[in-house]
N, C-alpha and C. Protein backbone atom coordinates (compact mmCIF):
# COMPACT_ATOMS: atom_id res chain seq x y z
N MET A 1 -9.87 -2.89 -18.76
CA MET A 1 -9.08 -1.81 -18.16
C MET A 1 -9.98 -0.73 -17.62
N SER A 2 -9.65 -0.24 -16.47
CA SER A 2 -10.40 0.86 -15.80
C SER A 2 -9.43 2.10 -15.64
N THR A 3 -10.03 3.25 -15.77
CA THR A 3 -9.25 4.50 -15.60
C THR A 3 -9.70 5.17 -14.32
N TYR A 4 -8.71 5.51 -13.51
CA TYR A 4 -8.97 6.18 -12.20
C TYR A 4 -8.36 7.56 -12.22
N ASN A 5 -9.17 8.57 -11.92
CA ASN A 5 -8.65 9.91 -11.85
C ASN A 5 -8.66 10.37 -10.37
N VAL A 6 -7.52 10.76 -9.86
CA VAL A 6 -7.40 11.14 -8.46
C VAL A 6 -7.03 12.65 -8.44
N SER A 7 -7.81 13.35 -7.65
CA SER A 7 -7.50 14.79 -7.49
C SER A 7 -7.75 15.15 -6.03
N LYS A 8 -6.80 15.53 -5.30
CA LYS A 8 -6.98 15.86 -3.86
C LYS A 8 -6.08 17.07 -3.51
N SER A 9 -6.75 18.06 -2.90
CA SER A 9 -6.05 19.28 -2.53
C SER A 9 -6.15 19.51 -1.00
N PHE A 10 -5.05 20.01 -0.47
CA PHE A 10 -5.05 20.35 0.92
C PHE A 10 -4.56 21.87 1.08
N ARG A 11 -5.36 22.65 1.80
CA ARG A 11 -4.96 24.03 2.04
C ARG A 11 -4.19 24.11 3.34
N TRP A 12 -3.16 24.95 3.31
CA TRP A 12 -2.33 25.11 4.58
C TRP A 12 -3.26 25.74 5.68
N GLN A 13 -3.32 25.08 6.85
CA GLN A 13 -4.24 25.54 7.90
C GLN A 13 -3.50 25.62 9.23
N GLY A 14 -2.22 25.86 9.20
CA GLY A 14 -1.49 25.95 10.49
C GLY A 14 -1.78 27.29 11.19
N LYS A 15 -1.19 27.41 12.37
CA LYS A 15 -1.28 28.67 13.19
C LYS A 15 -0.25 29.62 12.82
N LEU A 16 -0.56 30.86 12.66
CA LEU A 16 0.36 31.96 12.29
C LEU A 16 0.97 32.43 13.63
N THR A 17 1.94 31.74 14.24
CA THR A 17 2.61 32.20 15.41
C THR A 17 3.69 33.16 15.03
N ASP A 18 4.35 33.80 16.03
CA ASP A 18 5.41 34.71 15.76
C ASP A 18 6.54 34.01 15.01
N LYS A 19 6.90 32.76 15.46
CA LYS A 19 7.96 32.02 14.90
C LYS A 19 7.67 31.61 13.48
N VAL A 20 6.36 31.24 13.21
CA VAL A 20 5.99 30.88 11.90
C VAL A 20 6.22 32.05 10.92
N VAL A 21 5.73 33.27 11.35
CA VAL A 21 5.90 34.46 10.52
C VAL A 21 7.31 34.84 10.30
N GLN A 22 8.16 34.58 11.30
CA GLN A 22 9.60 34.88 11.19
C GLN A 22 10.23 33.93 10.18
N VAL A 23 9.85 32.66 10.23
CA VAL A 23 10.35 31.64 9.23
C VAL A 23 9.95 32.04 7.83
N CYS A 24 8.71 32.42 7.67
CA CYS A 24 8.26 32.89 6.34
C CYS A 24 9.07 34.02 5.84
N ARG A 25 9.39 34.98 6.66
CA ARG A 25 10.22 36.10 6.19
C ARG A 25 11.65 35.72 5.89
N MET A 26 12.19 34.71 6.61
CA MET A 26 13.56 34.20 6.27
C MET A 26 13.60 33.66 4.92
N PHE A 27 12.46 32.99 4.46
CA PHE A 27 12.49 32.32 3.17
C PHE A 27 11.75 33.11 2.07
N GLY A 28 11.48 34.33 2.43
CA GLY A 28 10.80 35.24 1.46
C GLY A 28 9.37 34.85 1.12
N LEU A 29 8.68 34.26 1.97
CA LEU A 29 7.34 33.81 1.79
C LEU A 29 6.35 34.75 2.57
N THR A 30 5.46 35.37 1.85
CA THR A 30 4.50 36.26 2.49
C THR A 30 3.36 35.43 3.20
N VAL A 31 2.82 36.04 4.20
CA VAL A 31 1.76 35.36 4.95
C VAL A 31 0.54 35.09 3.99
N GLU A 32 0.30 36.08 3.15
CA GLU A 32 -0.81 35.92 2.19
C GLU A 32 -0.62 34.75 1.32
N ARG A 33 0.61 34.57 0.82
CA ARG A 33 0.86 33.47 -0.08
C ARG A 33 0.77 32.12 0.69
N LEU A 34 1.15 32.09 1.92
CA LEU A 34 1.16 30.88 2.72
C LEU A 34 -0.25 30.48 2.94
N THR A 35 -1.11 31.38 3.37
CA THR A 35 -2.52 31.06 3.69
C THR A 35 -3.36 30.68 2.43
N GLU A 36 -2.85 31.12 1.27
CA GLU A 36 -3.55 30.80 0.06
C GLU A 36 -3.02 29.55 -0.63
N ARG A 37 -2.01 28.96 -0.09
CA ARG A 37 -1.30 27.86 -0.75
C ARG A 37 -2.16 26.50 -0.61
N TYR A 38 -2.17 25.79 -1.77
CA TYR A 38 -2.80 24.48 -1.77
C TYR A 38 -1.80 23.42 -2.16
N PHE A 39 -1.88 22.28 -1.52
CA PHE A 39 -1.04 21.16 -1.92
C PHE A 39 -1.91 20.23 -2.72
N ASN A 40 -1.53 20.05 -3.99
CA ASN A 40 -2.37 19.29 -4.95
C ASN A 40 -1.76 17.95 -5.29
N HIS A 41 -2.63 16.91 -5.35
CA HIS A 41 -2.22 15.59 -5.71
C HIS A 41 -3.14 15.15 -6.81
N ASP A 42 -2.64 15.17 -8.05
CA ASP A 42 -3.44 14.80 -9.28
C ASP A 42 -2.76 13.58 -9.97
N CYS A 43 -3.57 12.69 -10.39
CA CYS A 43 -2.98 11.53 -11.03
C CYS A 43 -4.15 10.80 -11.83
N GLN A 44 -3.74 10.25 -13.00
CA GLN A 44 -4.68 9.42 -13.78
C GLN A 44 -3.99 8.06 -14.01
N LEU A 45 -4.67 6.99 -13.65
CA LEU A 45 -4.15 5.68 -13.77
C LEU A 45 -5.03 4.77 -14.52
N GLU A 46 -4.43 3.91 -15.40
CA GLU A 46 -5.18 2.92 -16.14
C GLU A 46 -4.75 1.53 -15.54
N ILE A 47 -5.75 0.82 -14.99
CA ILE A 47 -5.45 -0.40 -14.22
C ILE A 47 -6.21 -1.56 -14.74
N ASN A 48 -5.54 -2.68 -15.08
CA ASN A 48 -6.22 -3.88 -15.46
C ASN A 48 -6.35 -4.85 -14.28
N ASP A 49 -7.33 -5.83 -14.42
CA ASP A 49 -7.40 -6.86 -13.37
C ASP A 49 -6.06 -7.57 -13.30
N GLY A 50 -5.71 -7.83 -12.07
CA GLY A 50 -4.40 -8.58 -11.82
C GLY A 50 -3.19 -7.67 -11.89
N ASP A 51 -3.35 -6.41 -12.01
CA ASP A 51 -2.19 -5.49 -12.02
C ASP A 51 -1.70 -5.30 -10.56
N ILE A 52 -0.39 -5.00 -10.53
CA ILE A 52 0.18 -4.52 -9.26
C ILE A 52 0.55 -3.06 -9.47
N VAL A 53 -0.07 -2.20 -8.67
CA VAL A 53 0.21 -0.77 -8.73
C VAL A 53 1.05 -0.41 -7.50
N TYR A 54 2.28 0.11 -7.81
CA TYR A 54 3.16 0.40 -6.68
C TYR A 54 3.47 1.93 -6.62
N ILE A 55 3.06 2.51 -5.55
CA ILE A 55 3.21 3.94 -5.36
C ILE A 55 4.51 4.18 -4.46
N THR A 56 5.46 4.88 -4.95
CA THR A 56 6.69 5.09 -4.21
C THR A 56 7.12 6.55 -4.28
N GLY A 57 8.10 6.86 -3.47
CA GLY A 57 8.60 8.20 -3.35
C GLY A 57 9.01 8.47 -1.94
N PRO A 58 9.59 9.66 -1.70
CA PRO A 58 10.08 10.07 -0.27
C PRO A 58 8.96 10.22 0.63
N SER A 59 9.25 10.15 1.88
CA SER A 59 8.27 10.40 2.95
C SER A 59 7.75 11.85 2.77
N GLY A 60 6.42 11.98 2.90
CA GLY A 60 5.81 13.28 2.82
C GLY A 60 5.42 13.71 1.38
N ALA A 61 5.63 12.82 0.43
CA ALA A 61 5.36 13.15 -0.98
C ALA A 61 3.85 13.00 -1.32
N GLY A 62 3.14 12.27 -0.47
CA GLY A 62 1.72 12.09 -0.75
C GLY A 62 1.34 10.61 -1.22
N LYS A 63 2.17 9.65 -0.90
CA LYS A 63 1.87 8.29 -1.28
C LYS A 63 0.62 7.79 -0.66
N SER A 64 0.44 8.02 0.63
CA SER A 64 -0.76 7.57 1.35
C SER A 64 -2.00 8.30 0.85
N VAL A 65 -1.83 9.54 0.48
CA VAL A 65 -3.01 10.32 0.01
C VAL A 65 -3.53 9.69 -1.27
N LEU A 66 -2.59 9.38 -2.22
CA LEU A 66 -3.01 8.74 -3.44
C LEU A 66 -3.64 7.37 -3.22
N LEU A 67 -3.00 6.59 -2.35
CA LEU A 67 -3.59 5.23 -2.07
C LEU A 67 -5.00 5.35 -1.50
N ASN A 68 -5.16 6.23 -0.55
CA ASN A 68 -6.49 6.41 0.12
C ASN A 68 -7.57 6.84 -0.89
N GLU A 69 -7.16 7.77 -1.79
CA GLU A 69 -8.16 8.23 -2.77
C GLU A 69 -8.46 7.09 -3.80
N LEU A 70 -7.51 6.34 -4.15
CA LEU A 70 -7.80 5.17 -5.03
C LEU A 70 -8.71 4.15 -4.31
N GLU A 71 -8.45 3.93 -2.98
CA GLU A 71 -9.37 3.02 -2.31
C GLU A 71 -10.82 3.51 -2.31
N LYS A 72 -11.01 4.88 -2.20
CA LYS A 72 -12.35 5.40 -2.17
C LYS A 72 -13.08 5.18 -3.52
N ALA A 73 -12.25 5.05 -4.54
CA ALA A 73 -12.83 4.90 -5.90
C ALA A 73 -13.36 3.47 -6.17
N VAL A 74 -12.98 2.55 -5.25
CA VAL A 74 -13.38 1.13 -5.38
C VAL A 74 -14.50 0.83 -4.41
N PRO A 75 -15.58 0.14 -4.88
CA PRO A 75 -16.68 -0.21 -4.00
C PRO A 75 -16.14 -1.03 -2.75
N ALA A 76 -16.70 -0.72 -1.61
CA ALA A 76 -16.25 -1.29 -0.36
C ALA A 76 -16.37 -2.83 -0.40
N SER A 77 -17.28 -3.37 -1.14
CA SER A 77 -17.53 -4.78 -1.24
C SER A 77 -16.47 -5.49 -2.02
N ASP A 78 -15.63 -4.70 -2.82
CA ASP A 78 -14.66 -5.29 -3.67
C ASP A 78 -13.24 -5.12 -3.17
N ARG A 79 -13.01 -4.57 -1.92
CA ARG A 79 -11.72 -4.23 -1.52
C ARG A 79 -11.44 -4.60 -0.06
N VAL A 80 -10.19 -4.77 0.23
CA VAL A 80 -9.73 -4.99 1.53
C VAL A 80 -8.43 -4.26 1.84
N ASN A 81 -8.30 -3.66 2.95
CA ASN A 81 -7.11 -2.89 3.32
C ASN A 81 -6.40 -3.53 4.55
N LEU A 82 -5.13 -3.89 4.37
CA LEU A 82 -4.45 -4.59 5.42
C LEU A 82 -4.48 -3.87 6.76
N ALA A 83 -4.54 -2.54 6.71
CA ALA A 83 -4.52 -1.80 7.96
C ALA A 83 -5.83 -1.95 8.74
N ARG A 84 -6.87 -2.42 8.13
CA ARG A 84 -8.16 -2.46 8.80
C ARG A 84 -8.52 -3.93 9.16
N ILE A 85 -7.61 -4.84 8.99
CA ILE A 85 -7.85 -6.22 9.35
C ILE A 85 -7.52 -6.41 10.82
N LYS A 86 -8.47 -6.86 11.58
CA LYS A 86 -8.34 -7.05 12.99
C LYS A 86 -7.82 -8.50 13.23
N LEU A 87 -7.01 -8.58 14.26
CA LEU A 87 -6.44 -9.87 14.61
C LEU A 87 -7.32 -10.65 15.59
N GLN A 88 -7.56 -11.95 15.30
CA GLN A 88 -8.31 -12.74 16.17
C GLN A 88 -7.39 -13.35 17.23
N ASN A 89 -7.87 -13.42 18.49
CA ASN A 89 -6.97 -13.86 19.61
C ASN A 89 -7.41 -15.19 20.15
N ASP A 90 -8.48 -15.80 19.62
CA ASP A 90 -8.98 -17.05 20.17
C ASP A 90 -8.80 -18.26 19.19
N LYS A 91 -8.04 -18.04 18.13
CA LYS A 91 -7.84 -19.10 17.19
C LYS A 91 -6.35 -19.21 16.75
N ALA A 92 -5.98 -20.37 16.26
CA ALA A 92 -4.61 -20.49 15.65
C ALA A 92 -4.70 -19.90 14.25
N LEU A 93 -3.51 -19.53 13.72
CA LEU A 93 -3.49 -18.89 12.43
C LEU A 93 -4.20 -19.73 11.36
N ILE A 94 -3.99 -21.04 11.36
CA ILE A 94 -4.52 -21.97 10.40
C ILE A 94 -6.01 -22.03 10.40
N ASP A 95 -6.58 -21.78 11.63
CA ASP A 95 -8.03 -21.78 11.79
C ASP A 95 -8.69 -20.39 11.43
N CYS A 96 -7.83 -19.36 11.24
CA CYS A 96 -8.33 -18.04 10.96
C CYS A 96 -8.56 -17.85 9.48
N ILE A 97 -7.90 -18.69 8.66
CA ILE A 97 -7.97 -18.57 7.22
C ILE A 97 -9.06 -19.52 6.71
N GLY A 98 -10.00 -18.98 5.94
CA GLY A 98 -11.14 -19.83 5.44
C GLY A 98 -10.67 -20.83 4.43
N GLY A 99 -11.53 -21.79 4.22
CA GLY A 99 -11.29 -22.86 3.23
C GLY A 99 -10.65 -24.16 3.88
N ASP A 100 -10.31 -25.08 2.98
CA ASP A 100 -9.77 -26.33 3.48
C ASP A 100 -8.33 -26.09 3.94
N LEU A 101 -7.74 -27.19 4.41
CA LEU A 101 -6.35 -27.04 5.05
C LEU A 101 -5.35 -26.63 4.00
N LEU A 102 -5.36 -27.19 2.82
CA LEU A 102 -4.41 -26.89 1.80
C LEU A 102 -4.54 -25.42 1.35
N ARG A 103 -5.72 -24.91 1.22
CA ARG A 103 -5.88 -23.52 0.79
C ARG A 103 -5.39 -22.61 1.94
N SER A 104 -5.65 -22.92 3.15
CA SER A 104 -5.20 -22.08 4.27
C SER A 104 -3.69 -22.07 4.31
N LEU A 105 -3.05 -23.21 4.05
CA LEU A 105 -1.60 -23.21 4.06
C LEU A 105 -1.01 -22.49 2.92
N ARG A 106 -1.70 -22.55 1.77
CA ARG A 106 -1.17 -21.77 0.58
C ARG A 106 -1.22 -20.27 0.89
N MET A 107 -2.33 -19.84 1.44
CA MET A 107 -2.44 -18.36 1.75
C MET A 107 -1.38 -17.91 2.78
N LEU A 108 -1.17 -18.67 3.77
CA LEU A 108 -0.17 -18.36 4.78
C LEU A 108 1.25 -18.41 4.14
N SER A 109 1.48 -19.43 3.35
CA SER A 109 2.80 -19.54 2.74
C SER A 109 3.08 -18.39 1.77
N ALA A 110 2.07 -17.91 1.05
CA ALA A 110 2.23 -16.82 0.11
C ALA A 110 2.65 -15.53 0.83
N ALA A 111 2.25 -15.44 2.13
CA ALA A 111 2.56 -14.29 2.92
C ALA A 111 3.82 -14.51 3.75
N GLY A 112 4.52 -15.65 3.50
CA GLY A 112 5.75 -15.87 4.17
C GLY A 112 5.61 -16.50 5.57
N LEU A 113 4.44 -17.15 5.80
CA LEU A 113 4.20 -17.80 7.07
C LEU A 113 4.09 -19.29 6.87
N ASN A 114 5.20 -20.04 6.90
CA ASN A 114 5.17 -21.45 6.61
C ASN A 114 5.93 -22.26 7.70
N ASP A 115 6.21 -21.62 8.85
CA ASP A 115 6.75 -22.36 9.96
C ASP A 115 5.67 -23.05 10.76
N CYS A 116 5.88 -24.32 11.10
CA CYS A 116 4.84 -25.03 11.81
C CYS A 116 4.41 -24.34 13.05
N PHE A 117 5.32 -23.95 13.91
CA PHE A 117 4.95 -23.33 15.19
C PHE A 117 4.26 -22.02 15.01
N CYS A 118 4.55 -21.30 13.95
CA CYS A 118 3.90 -20.05 13.68
C CYS A 118 2.49 -20.36 13.21
N VAL A 119 2.27 -21.28 12.34
CA VAL A 119 0.96 -21.57 11.79
C VAL A 119 -0.03 -22.02 12.85
N ILE A 120 0.44 -22.70 13.88
CA ILE A 120 -0.51 -23.15 15.00
C ILE A 120 -0.51 -22.21 16.12
N ASN A 121 0.15 -21.12 16.01
CA ASN A 121 0.15 -20.08 17.04
C ASN A 121 -1.03 -19.20 16.92
N GLN A 122 -1.30 -18.32 17.94
CA GLN A 122 -2.37 -17.34 17.85
C GLN A 122 -1.83 -16.00 17.39
N PRO A 123 -2.60 -15.20 16.61
CA PRO A 123 -2.10 -13.95 16.13
C PRO A 123 -1.53 -13.03 17.15
N ALA A 124 -2.16 -13.04 18.34
CA ALA A 124 -1.69 -12.07 19.45
C ALA A 124 -0.29 -12.40 19.83
N ASN A 125 0.19 -13.64 19.66
CA ASN A 125 1.49 -14.03 20.14
C ASN A 125 2.56 -13.79 19.07
N LEU A 126 2.24 -13.34 17.93
CA LEU A 126 3.16 -13.21 16.85
C LEU A 126 4.04 -11.89 17.02
N SER A 127 5.19 -11.85 16.34
CA SER A 127 5.93 -10.64 16.33
C SER A 127 5.21 -9.65 15.37
N GLU A 128 5.68 -8.40 15.41
CA GLU A 128 5.03 -7.39 14.59
C GLU A 128 5.15 -7.68 13.11
N GLY A 129 6.30 -8.25 12.68
CA GLY A 129 6.47 -8.60 11.33
C GLY A 129 5.58 -9.79 10.91
N GLN A 130 5.38 -10.65 11.80
CA GLN A 130 4.57 -11.85 11.57
C GLN A 130 3.10 -11.40 11.53
N LYS A 131 2.68 -10.52 12.39
CA LYS A 131 1.33 -9.95 12.37
C LYS A 131 1.03 -9.30 11.02
N TYR A 132 1.96 -8.53 10.49
CA TYR A 132 1.80 -7.94 9.18
C TYR A 132 1.57 -9.00 8.13
N ARG A 133 2.44 -10.05 8.15
CA ARG A 133 2.24 -11.10 7.17
C ARG A 133 0.94 -11.86 7.34
N PHE A 134 0.49 -12.03 8.55
CA PHE A 134 -0.77 -12.67 8.79
C PHE A 134 -1.94 -11.83 8.19
N ARG A 135 -1.84 -10.52 8.37
CA ARG A 135 -2.87 -9.68 7.81
C ARG A 135 -2.90 -9.82 6.30
N LEU A 136 -1.64 -9.89 5.69
CA LEU A 136 -1.57 -10.11 4.29
C LEU A 136 -2.17 -11.43 3.83
N ALA A 137 -1.92 -12.50 4.57
CA ALA A 137 -2.50 -13.78 4.26
C ALA A 137 -4.04 -13.71 4.35
N THR A 138 -4.57 -13.03 5.37
CA THR A 138 -6.00 -12.84 5.54
C THR A 138 -6.57 -12.07 4.37
N ALA A 139 -5.88 -11.08 3.92
CA ALA A 139 -6.38 -10.30 2.73
C ALA A 139 -6.38 -11.17 1.47
N LEU A 140 -5.33 -12.04 1.29
CA LEU A 140 -5.27 -12.87 0.12
C LEU A 140 -6.42 -13.84 0.07
N ALA A 141 -6.84 -14.30 1.33
CA ALA A 141 -7.85 -15.30 1.40
C ALA A 141 -9.30 -14.73 1.39
N ALA A 142 -9.37 -13.34 1.40
CA ALA A 142 -10.66 -12.70 1.48
C ALA A 142 -11.46 -12.83 0.21
N GLY A 143 -10.90 -13.05 -0.87
CA GLY A 143 -11.62 -13.15 -2.14
C GLY A 143 -12.08 -11.86 -2.69
N LYS A 144 -11.40 -10.74 -2.36
CA LYS A 144 -11.75 -9.41 -2.87
C LYS A 144 -10.99 -9.19 -4.23
N LYS A 145 -11.51 -8.20 -4.98
CA LYS A 145 -10.89 -7.87 -6.28
C LYS A 145 -9.67 -6.95 -6.09
N PHE A 146 -9.67 -6.15 -4.99
CA PHE A 146 -8.59 -5.25 -4.79
C PHE A 146 -8.03 -5.42 -3.32
N ILE A 147 -6.72 -5.40 -3.26
CA ILE A 147 -6.06 -5.37 -1.94
C ILE A 147 -5.17 -4.18 -1.85
N PHE A 148 -5.39 -3.39 -0.74
CA PHE A 148 -4.67 -2.14 -0.56
C PHE A 148 -3.72 -2.30 0.66
N ALA A 149 -2.53 -1.79 0.52
CA ALA A 149 -1.50 -1.90 1.60
C ALA A 149 -0.62 -0.73 1.57
N ASP A 150 -0.72 0.13 2.58
CA ASP A 150 0.20 1.25 2.75
C ASP A 150 1.45 0.76 3.52
N GLU A 151 2.55 1.38 3.31
CA GLU A 151 3.88 0.98 3.90
C GLU A 151 4.04 -0.53 3.68
N PHE A 152 3.89 -0.94 2.44
CA PHE A 152 3.99 -2.37 2.08
C PHE A 152 5.39 -2.91 2.44
N CYS A 153 5.37 -3.92 3.31
CA CYS A 153 6.61 -4.65 3.75
C CYS A 153 7.61 -3.74 4.28
N SER A 154 7.29 -2.52 4.69
CA SER A 154 8.30 -1.59 5.20
C SER A 154 9.00 -2.01 6.46
N ASP A 155 8.34 -2.76 7.34
CA ASP A 155 8.90 -3.14 8.58
C ASP A 155 9.58 -4.50 8.53
N LEU A 156 9.56 -5.09 7.38
CA LEU A 156 10.15 -6.46 7.31
C LEU A 156 11.62 -6.39 6.84
N ASP A 157 12.36 -7.48 7.16
CA ASP A 157 13.69 -7.50 6.67
C ASP A 157 13.62 -7.59 5.17
N ARG A 158 14.59 -7.08 4.46
CA ARG A 158 14.48 -6.93 3.04
C ARG A 158 14.50 -8.20 2.26
N ILE A 159 15.08 -9.29 2.75
CA ILE A 159 14.97 -10.54 2.08
C ILE A 159 13.59 -11.07 2.11
N THR A 160 12.94 -11.00 3.26
CA THR A 160 11.54 -11.47 3.39
C THR A 160 10.67 -10.57 2.55
N ALA A 161 10.90 -9.28 2.55
CA ALA A 161 10.12 -8.38 1.72
C ALA A 161 10.19 -8.75 0.18
N ALA A 162 11.40 -9.11 -0.19
CA ALA A 162 11.63 -9.47 -1.62
C ALA A 162 10.91 -10.78 -1.96
N VAL A 163 10.95 -11.79 -1.03
CA VAL A 163 10.24 -13.05 -1.24
C VAL A 163 8.75 -12.86 -1.37
N ILE A 164 8.19 -12.06 -0.43
CA ILE A 164 6.71 -11.85 -0.45
C ILE A 164 6.38 -11.09 -1.68
N SER A 165 7.16 -10.11 -2.11
CA SER A 165 6.86 -9.39 -3.34
C SER A 165 6.81 -10.30 -4.55
N TYR A 166 7.72 -11.24 -4.61
CA TYR A 166 7.78 -12.17 -5.77
C TYR A 166 6.49 -13.06 -5.70
N HIS A 167 6.12 -13.53 -4.58
CA HIS A 167 4.91 -14.36 -4.42
C HIS A 167 3.64 -13.58 -4.82
N LEU A 168 3.59 -12.31 -4.44
CA LEU A 168 2.47 -11.51 -4.69
C LEU A 168 2.18 -11.27 -6.17
N GLN A 169 3.31 -10.99 -6.94
CA GLN A 169 3.11 -10.74 -8.37
C GLN A 169 2.63 -12.01 -9.05
N LYS A 170 3.07 -13.20 -8.51
CA LYS A 170 2.63 -14.46 -9.06
C LYS A 170 1.10 -14.65 -8.72
N PHE A 171 0.72 -14.33 -7.51
CA PHE A 171 -0.59 -14.50 -7.05
C PHE A 171 -1.58 -13.62 -7.88
N ALA A 172 -1.14 -12.33 -8.08
CA ALA A 172 -1.96 -11.41 -8.87
C ALA A 172 -2.23 -11.88 -10.27
N LYS A 173 -1.27 -12.41 -10.98
CA LYS A 173 -1.43 -12.91 -12.34
C LYS A 173 -2.30 -14.17 -12.33
N ARG A 174 -2.15 -14.99 -11.33
CA ARG A 174 -2.87 -16.24 -11.32
C ARG A 174 -4.41 -16.07 -10.96
N THR A 175 -4.71 -15.11 -10.07
CA THR A 175 -6.00 -14.90 -9.62
C THR A 175 -6.81 -13.73 -10.17
N GLY A 176 -6.08 -12.76 -10.73
CA GLY A 176 -6.69 -11.52 -11.25
C GLY A 176 -6.99 -10.49 -10.16
N VAL A 177 -6.49 -10.74 -8.94
CA VAL A 177 -6.61 -9.78 -7.89
C VAL A 177 -5.64 -8.58 -8.17
N THR A 178 -6.16 -7.40 -7.99
CA THR A 178 -5.38 -6.16 -8.14
C THR A 178 -4.80 -5.65 -6.86
N PHE A 179 -3.51 -5.34 -6.78
CA PHE A 179 -2.86 -4.89 -5.63
C PHE A 179 -2.56 -3.41 -5.80
N ILE A 180 -2.91 -2.59 -4.82
CA ILE A 180 -2.55 -1.18 -4.75
C ILE A 180 -1.65 -1.02 -3.54
N LEU A 181 -0.36 -0.83 -3.73
CA LEU A 181 0.63 -0.83 -2.65
C LEU A 181 1.36 0.51 -2.62
N ALA A 182 1.80 0.87 -1.46
CA ALA A 182 2.63 2.11 -1.29
C ALA A 182 3.76 1.89 -0.34
N SER A 183 4.91 2.37 -0.68
CA SER A 183 6.12 2.30 0.21
C SER A 183 7.20 3.15 -0.38
N SER A 184 8.13 3.55 0.47
CA SER A 184 9.30 4.34 -0.03
C SER A 184 10.40 3.47 -0.47
N HIS A 185 10.26 2.14 -0.17
CA HIS A 185 11.33 1.15 -0.55
C HIS A 185 11.32 0.83 -2.04
N GLU A 186 12.50 0.92 -2.67
CA GLU A 186 12.65 0.65 -4.10
C GLU A 186 13.40 -0.69 -4.34
N ASP A 187 13.87 -1.33 -3.22
CA ASP A 187 14.70 -2.48 -3.41
C ASP A 187 13.87 -3.73 -3.81
N ILE A 188 12.56 -3.64 -3.77
CA ILE A 188 11.68 -4.84 -4.09
C ILE A 188 11.10 -4.65 -5.49
N LEU A 189 11.45 -3.68 -6.17
CA LEU A 189 10.89 -3.43 -7.49
C LEU A 189 11.11 -4.63 -8.49
N LEU A 190 12.27 -5.18 -8.49
CA LEU A 190 12.58 -6.28 -9.40
C LEU A 190 11.74 -7.50 -9.06
N ASP A 191 11.53 -7.78 -7.83
CA ASP A 191 10.71 -8.96 -7.40
C ASP A 191 9.24 -8.67 -7.55
N LEU A 192 8.83 -7.52 -7.26
CA LEU A 192 7.42 -7.16 -7.26
C LEU A 192 6.93 -7.00 -8.76
N ALA A 193 7.82 -6.49 -9.61
CA ALA A 193 7.55 -6.27 -11.05
C ALA A 193 6.26 -5.55 -11.19
N PRO A 194 6.03 -4.36 -10.69
CA PRO A 194 4.72 -3.74 -10.79
C PRO A 194 4.37 -3.42 -12.21
N ASP A 195 3.02 -3.55 -12.51
CA ASP A 195 2.51 -3.21 -13.86
C ASP A 195 2.44 -1.72 -14.02
N VAL A 196 2.10 -1.06 -12.89
CA VAL A 196 2.00 0.42 -12.91
C VAL A 196 2.91 0.90 -11.74
N LEU A 197 3.89 1.72 -12.10
CA LEU A 197 4.71 2.32 -11.06
C LEU A 197 4.46 3.79 -10.99
N VAL A 198 4.01 4.27 -9.84
CA VAL A 198 3.64 5.65 -9.59
C VAL A 198 4.73 6.25 -8.69
N VAL A 199 5.43 7.26 -9.21
CA VAL A 199 6.52 7.90 -8.41
C VAL A 199 6.07 9.27 -7.99
N LYS A 200 5.90 9.43 -6.74
CA LYS A 200 5.54 10.75 -6.17
C LYS A 200 6.78 11.47 -5.71
N GLU A 201 6.83 12.75 -6.09
CA GLU A 201 7.92 13.63 -5.72
C GLU A 201 7.50 14.73 -4.77
N LEU A 202 8.48 15.16 -3.95
CA LEU A 202 8.14 16.15 -2.97
C LEU A 202 7.65 17.49 -3.59
N SER A 203 8.09 17.75 -4.80
CA SER A 203 7.67 18.87 -5.58
C SER A 203 6.21 18.87 -5.96
N GLY A 204 5.53 17.69 -5.81
CA GLY A 204 4.12 17.63 -6.10
C GLY A 204 3.98 16.82 -7.49
N VAL A 205 5.06 16.68 -8.21
CA VAL A 205 4.97 15.96 -9.47
C VAL A 205 4.73 14.49 -9.30
N THR A 206 3.85 13.92 -10.18
CA THR A 206 3.57 12.54 -10.13
C THR A 206 3.91 11.91 -11.47
N LYS A 207 4.81 10.91 -11.46
CA LYS A 207 5.15 10.17 -12.66
C LYS A 207 4.54 8.80 -12.72
N VAL A 208 3.92 8.43 -13.83
CA VAL A 208 3.31 7.11 -13.99
C VAL A 208 4.01 6.31 -15.06
N ILE A 209 4.51 5.16 -14.71
CA ILE A 209 5.26 4.30 -15.66
C ILE A 209 4.52 2.98 -15.83
N TYR A 210 4.13 2.62 -17.04
CA TYR A 210 3.47 1.33 -17.31
C TYR A 210 4.47 0.31 -17.80
N LYS A 211 4.47 -0.85 -17.25
CA LYS A 211 5.55 -1.86 -17.61
C LYS A 211 5.37 -2.29 -19.03
N ASN A 212 4.17 -2.53 -19.52
CA ASN A 212 4.01 -3.04 -20.87
C ASN A 212 3.58 -2.02 -21.89
N ARG A 213 3.88 -0.79 -21.60
CA ARG A 213 3.56 0.28 -22.58
C ARG A 213 4.83 0.83 -23.17
N LYS A 214 4.86 0.83 -24.55
CA LYS A 214 6.00 1.36 -25.20
C LYS A 214 5.98 2.91 -25.16
N ILE A 215 7.15 3.51 -24.96
CA ILE A 215 7.27 4.99 -24.90
C ILE A 215 7.41 5.50 -26.35
C-alpha cells in the first residue's frame, strides 16, 4: 500500500473590472477578501496495486486537479494517461496493439472494440467514442503500473460505459494495474466497483471512501 498526499492551492487572479467589483458588492464580498482568496484541494489517499480510484463530483469541483496531482506523484515510466496517447493513422487497430494476435484482441475487447470491421480499421476513421476506446486499449496494452483517465467514459453511451467499467475492474484485479479515473458520472459505480471513491464537492470538501474498510 502507498499513501499519496495531494495539496494544491489556486489564488484568484482575475481582473477587477467595474462589473466584477459590482458583483462583489452585490454578494457582500470585499475586493480585499477576493484578492486574498485561495482555492484549496487537499486529500490523502491509500492505494494498493490493482486498485481502482474513482474521483467524482460536480463540474468545477476540482476532479481534474486531483487527478493531475496524483499523476505527478507517480514516476513517468510507470504511468500512461489516455489523453496523451496519439492515434496512429498508418495501421489497422489490430496492428497498433503490441503482442500476438490473441493478446491484441483481448486488449481491444476489454475496451469494447470487438467488431471485425472496427478492428481492421485505422484509428483516424473511427468515431470519437471508438477513438476513446482505442486509447483505452492502447493504455491497457502499455504494461504500465498506473493508468490515468480524466472524463472516464463521459462521452460514451451509458450501456457501453457500464460494460467497459466492469471489464476494467476485472482487468485491474487480474493484472495489478492501478486505475486513477475521474468523471461526474455515478451510474457506473456498481460496475466499476472502485476500491477508493473520492467525492469532490464544490464547497472544497473532499470525502474518501474505501470499499474494504470498516467504518
